[in-house]
Amino acid sequence: ICNYLYELAQKFNSFYSKHKILVDDPLVLEFRVRLASATGTVLKSGLNLLGIDSPERM
């Protein structure tokens, strides 16, 4: 679980540094917001399984 969460965080960070989340195209905006939300949910759930508290916001 630790390795998966670490890799997921790295991949999302790479995506986030290359692509703006808030864009004018509504379809791209919706996809990116949902992707960010889903990534956060998976990271939070995974950390919870490991007994690690996660911040509400970064």
C-alpha atoms as a PDB file:
ATOM      1  CA  ILE A   1       0.000   0.000   0.000  1.00  0.00           C
ATOM      2  CA  CYS A   2       2.825   2.390   0.889  1.00  0.00           C
ATOM      3  CA  ASN A   3       4.542   1.988  -2.474  1.00  0.00           C
ATOM      4  CA  TYR A   4       1.265   2.381  -4.359  1.00  0.00           C
ATOM      5  CA  LEU A   5       0.370   5.592  -2.514  1.00  0.00           C
ATOM      6  CA  TYR A   6       3.873   6.971  -3.024  1.00  0.00           C
ATOM      7  CA  GLU A   7       3.779   6.250  -6.770  1.00  0.00           C
ATOM      8  CA  LEU A   8       0.260   7.667  -7.094  1.00  0.00           C
ATOM      9  CA  ALA A   9       1.318  10.865  -5.339  1.00  0.00           C
ATOM     10  CA  GLN A  10       4.373  11.167  -7.590  1.00  0.00           C
ATOM     11  CA  LYS A  11       2.349  10.616 -10.760  1.00  0.00           C
ATOM     12  CA  PHE A  12      -0.325  13.110  -9.760  1.00  0.00           C
ATOM     13  CA  ASN A  13       2.326  15.657  -8.780  1.00  0.00           C
ATOM     14  CA  SER A  14       3.936  15.259 -12.197  1.00  0.00           C
ATOM     15  CA  PHE A  15       0.554  15.722 -13.898  1.00  0.00           C
ATOM     16  CA  TYR A  16      -0.279  18.724 -11.709  1.00  0.00           C
ATOM     17  CA  SER A  17       3.028  20.449 -12.456  1.00  0.00           C
ATOM     18  CA  LYS A  18       2.497  20.067 -16.228  1.00  0.00           C
ATOM     19  CA  HIS A  19      -1.226  20.832 -16.541  1.00  0.00           C
ATOM     20  CA  LYS A  20      -3.451  23.564 -15.159  1.00  0.00           C
ATOM     21  CA  ILE A  21      -6.515  22.225 -13.370  1.00  0.00           C
ATOM     22  CA  LEU A  22      -8.652  25.321 -13.860  1.00  0.00           C
ATOM     23  CA  VAL A  23      -9.001  25.771 -17.630  1.00  0.00           C
ATOM     24  CA  ASP A  24     -11.631  27.315 -19.903  1.00  0.00           C
ATOM     25  CA  ASP A  25     -12.730  24.080 -21.614  1.00  0.00           C
ATOM     26  CA  PRO A  26     -15.569  22.732 -19.428  1.00  0.00           C
ATOM     27  CA  LEU A  27     -14.948  19.070 -20.332  1.00  0.00           C
ATOM     28  CA  VAL A  28     -11.243  19.286 -19.525  1.00  0.00           C
ATOM     29  CA  LEU A  29     -12.021  21.223 -16.348  1.00  0.00           C
ATOM     30  CA  GLU A  30     -14.520  18.593 -15.182  1.00  0.00           C
ATOM     31  CA  PHE A  31     -12.110  15.747 -15.935  1.00  0.00           C
ATOM     32  CA  ARG A  32      -9.199  17.388 -14.116  1.00  0.00           C
ATOM     33  CA  VAL A  33     -11.246  18.354 -11.076  1.00  0.00           C
ATOM     34  CA  ARG A  34     -12.635  14.819 -10.839  1.00  0.00           C
ATOM     35  CA  LEU A  35      -9.161  13.348 -11.290  1.00  0.00           C
ATOM     36  CA  ALA A  36      -7.784  15.533  -8.497  1.00  0.00           C
ATOM     37  CA  SER A  37     -10.703  14.642  -6.237  1.00  0.00           C
ATOM     38  CA  ALA A  38     -10.417  10.910  -6.919  1.00  0.00           C
ATOM     39  CA  THR A  39      -6.665  10.999  -6.337  1.00  0.00           C
ATOM     40  CA  GLY A  40      -7.189  12.766  -3.023  1.00  0.00           C
ATOM     41  CA  THR A  41      -9.820  10.233  -1.986  1.00  0.00           C
ATOM     42  CA  VAL A  42      -7.546   7.284  -2.786  1.00  0.00           C
ATOM     43  CA  LEU A  43      -4.589   8.854  -0.972  1.00  0.00           C
ATOM     44  CA  LYS A  44      -6.694   9.703   2.075  1.00  0.00           C
ATOM     45  CA  SER A  45      -8.239   6.214   2.209  1.00  0.00           C
ATOM     46  CA  GLY A  46      -4.874   4.526   1.777  1.00  0.00           C
ATOM     47  CA  LEU A  47      -3.258   6.594   4.500  1.00  0.00           C
ATOM     48  CA  ASN A  48      -6.219   5.852   6.760  1.00  0.00           C
ATOM     49  CA  LEU A  49      -5.682   2.105   6.208  1.00  0.00           C
ATOM     50  CA  LEU A  50      -2.103   2.610   7.361  1.00  0.00           C
ATOM     51  CA  GLY A  51      -3.230   4.527  10.442  1.00  0.00           C
ATOM     52  CA  ILE A  52      -1.812   7.830   9.177  1.00  0.00           C
ATOM     53  CA  ASP A  53      -3.791  11.054   9.491  1.00  0.00           C
ATOM     54  CA  SER A  54      -3.918  13.140   6.334  1.00  0.00           C
ATOM     55  CA  PRO A  55      -4.315  16.900   6.027  1.00  0.00           C
ATOM     56  CA  GLU A  56      -7.665  18.242   4.857  1.00  0.00           C
ATOM     57  CA  ARG A  57      -5.963  20.734   2.532  1.00  0.00           C
ATOM     58  CA  MET A  58      -2.538  21.215   1.047  1.00  0.00           C
END
